[in-house]
C-alpha atoms as a PDB file:
ATOM      1  CA  MET A   1     -11.470-110.856 150.384  1.00  0.00           C
ATOM      2  CA  ARG A   2     -14.165-113.369 149.477  1.00  0.00           C
ATOM      3  CA  GLN A   3     -17.634-113.156 150.924  1.00  0.00           C
ATOM      4  CA  VAL A   4     -19.672-116.258 151.742  1.00  0.00           C
ATOM      5  CA  LEU A   5     -23.467-115.940 151.706  1.00  0.00           C
ATOM      6  CA  PHE A   6     -25.628-118.566 153.358  1.00  0.00           C
ATOM      7  CA  CYS A   7     -29.010-119.551 151.937  1.00  0.00           C
ATOM      8  CA  ASP A   8     -31.127-121.263 154.568  1.00  0.00           C
ATOM      9  CA  THR A   9     -33.577-123.870 153.234  1.00  0.00           C
ATOM     10  CA  THR A  10     -35.198-124.850 156.550  1.00  0.00           C
ATOM     11  CA  LEU A  11     -38.645-123.558 155.547  1.00  0.00           C
ATOM     12  CA  HIS A  12     -38.599-125.769 152.438  1.00  0.00           C
ATOM     13  CA  ASP A  13     -36.390-128.753 153.240  1.00  0.00           C
ATOM     14  CA  GLY A  14     -37.683-128.957 156.809  1.00  0.00           C
ATOM     15  CA  GLU A  15     -41.093-129.866 155.427  1.00  0.00           C
ATOM     16  CA  GLN A  16     -39.704-132.808 153.462  1.00  0.00           C
ATOM     17  CA  SER A  17     -39.804-135.019 156.560  1.00  0.00           C
ATOM     18  CA  PRO A  18     -42.945-137.146 156.948  1.00  0.00           C
ATOM     19  CA  GLY A  19     -45.543-135.472 159.156  1.00  0.00           C
ATOM     20  CA  VAL A  20     -43.928-132.025 159.101  1.00  0.00           C
ATOM     21  CA  ASN A  21     -46.116-129.197 157.829  1.00  0.00           C
ATOM     22  CA  LEU A  22     -45.418-125.610 158.850  1.00  0.00           C
ATOM     23  CA  PHE A  23     -48.335-123.197 158.958  1.00  0.00           C
ATOM     24  CA  PRO A  24     -47.734-119.620 157.704  1.00  0.00           C
ATOM     25  CA  GLU A  25     -47.364-118.219 161.243  1.00  0.00           C
ATOM     26  CA  GLU A  26     -44.832-120.954 162.068  1.00  0.00           C
ATOM     27  CA  LYS A  27     -42.830-120.149 158.925  1.00  0.00           C
ATOM     28  CA  LEU A  28     -42.806-116.503 159.954  1.00  0.00           C
ATOM     29  CA  ALA A  29     -41.566-117.381 163.471  1.00  0.00           C
ATOM     30  CA  VAL A  30     -38.717-119.493 162.056  1.00  0.00           C
ATOM     31  CA  ALA A  31     -37.850-116.768 159.529  1.00  0.00           C
ATOM     32  CA  CYS A  32     -37.644-114.177 162.312  1.00  0.00           C
ATOM     33  CA  GLN A  33     -35.121-116.369 164.135  1.00  0.00           C
ATOM     34  CA  LEU A  34     -33.103-116.780 160.926  1.00  0.00           C
ATOM     35  CA  VAL A  35     -33.003-112.989 160.572  1.00  0.00           C
ATOM     36  CA  LYS A  36     -31.670-112.721 164.140  1.00  0.00           C
ATOM     37  CA  LEU A  37     -28.916-115.159 163.135  1.00  0.00           C
ATOM     38  CA  GLY A  38     -28.011-112.891 160.198  1.00  0.00           C
ATOM     39  CA  ILE A  39     -28.953-115.309 157.397  1.00  0.00           C
ATOM     40  CA  PRO A  40     -28.932-113.207 154.198  1.00  0.00           C
ATOM     41  CA  ILE A  41     -31.044-115.522 151.972  1.00  0.00           C
ATOM     42  CA  ILE A  42     -34.090-117.482 153.135  1.00  0.00           C
ATOM     43  CA  GLU A  43     -35.886-120.007 150.966  1.00  0.00           C
ATOM     44  CA  ALA A  44     -39.458-119.713 152.220  1.00  0.00           C
ATOM     45  CA  GLY A  45     -40.894-122.918 150.773  1.00  0.00           C
ATOM     46  CA  SER A  46     -42.423-123.927 147.478  1.00  0.00           C
ATOM     47  CA  ALA A  47     -45.155-121.459 146.601  1.00  0.00           C
ATOM     48  CA  ALA A  48     -46.705-123.646 143.901  1.00  0.00           C
ATOM     49  CA  THR A  49     -47.236-126.582 146.259  1.00  0.00           C
ATOM     50  CA  SER A  50     -50.303-125.256 148.089  1.00  0.00           C
ATOM     51  CA  HIS A  51     -52.084-122.053 148.986  1.00  0.00           C
ATOM     52  CA  SER A  52     -50.807-122.399 152.563  1.00  0.00           C
ATOM     53  CA  ASP A  53     -47.204-122.641 151.323  1.00  0.00           C
ATOM     54  CA  TRP A  54     -47.753-119.621 149.091  1.00  0.00           C
ATOM     55  CA  GLU A  55     -49.280-117.678 151.984  1.00  0.00           C
ATOM     56  CA  GLY A  56     -46.393-118.588 154.297  1.00  0.00           C
ATOM     57  CA  GLY A  57     -43.789-117.428 151.798  1.00  0.00           C
ATOM     58  CA  HIS A  58     -45.744-114.260 151.092  1.00  0.00           C
ATOM     59  CA  ARG A  59     -45.976-113.396 154.814  1.00  0.00           C
ATOM     60  CA  VAL A  60     -42.267-114.052 155.304  1.00  0.00           C
ATOM     61  CA  ALA A  61     -41.420-111.837 152.316  1.00  0.00           C
ATOM     62  CA  GLN A  62     -43.696-109.023 153.521  1.00  0.00           C
ATOM     63  CA  GLU A  63     -42.668-109.081 157.160  1.00  0.00           C
ATOM     64  CA  VAL A  64     -38.935-109.887 157.151  1.00  0.00           C
ATOM     65  CA  GLY A  65     -37.772-109.304 153.574  1.00  0.00           C
ATOM     66  CA  GLY A  66     -37.131-105.998 151.934  1.00  0.00           C
ATOM     67  CA  HIS A  67     -34.787-103.073 152.515  1.00  0.00           C
ATOM     68  CA  GLY A  68     -32.007-104.129 154.820  1.00  0.00           C
ATOM     69  CA  GLY A  69     -33.574-107.540 155.379  1.00  0.00           C
ATOM     70  CA  PRO A  70     -32.753-110.889 153.850  1.00  0.00           C
ATOM     71  CA  ILE A  71     -33.531-111.971 150.300  1.00  0.00           C
ATOM     72  CA  ILE A  72     -36.626-114.191 150.355  1.00  0.00           C
ATOM     73  CA  CYS A  73     -36.919-116.808 147.626  1.00  0.00           C
ATOM     74  CA  SER A  74     -39.150-119.772 146.812  1.00  0.00           C
ATOM     75  CA  MET A  75     -38.971-122.937 144.787  1.00  0.00           C
ATOM     76  CA  ALA A  76     -41.398-122.560 141.903  1.00  0.00           C
ATOM     77  CA  ARG A  77     -43.041-124.310 139.022  1.00  0.00           C
ATOM     78  CA  ALA A  78     -44.066-121.513 136.688  1.00  0.00           C
ATOM     79  CA  HIS A  79     -47.055-123.284 135.183  1.00  0.00           C
ATOM     80  CA  LEU A  80     -48.600-123.854 138.641  1.00  0.00           C
ATOM     81  CA  ALA A  81     -47.591-120.605 140.349  1.00  0.00           C
ATOM     82  CA  ALA A  82     -50.319-118.673 138.528  1.00  0.00           C
ATOM     83  CA  ARG A  83     -52.881-120.933 140.221  1.00  0.00           C
ATOM     84  CA  PHE A  84     -52.436-118.976 143.480  1.00  0.00           C
ATOM     85  CA  ALA A  85     -51.685-115.525 142.087  1.00  0.00           C
ATOM     86  CA  ASP A  86     -55.358-114.488 141.989  1.00  0.00           C
ATOM     87  CA  LYS A  87     -55.852-115.480 145.655  1.00  0.00           C
ATOM     88  CA  THR A  88     -53.621-112.772 147.095  1.00  0.00           C
ATOM     89  CA  PRO A  89     -54.888-111.702 150.534  1.00  0.00           C
END
């Protein structure tokens, strides 16, 4: 039997609309609802875009990812990702 896994991109693609900008606590609230829906993979934004985007993805990964939780991923540009690595809360 085949298994289908869904990867939700709301936290990244949802911010592509003009005027839409999710703060870290808003990303976490959306991610919690996605977990309740049973989504196994959540794209939590684009960490290299801004410190706020990095922080939102980090909070989602810490609070809903992990053992038994969904896989949390992020779009990344390796040469810019290091820019925020030293600003870990």
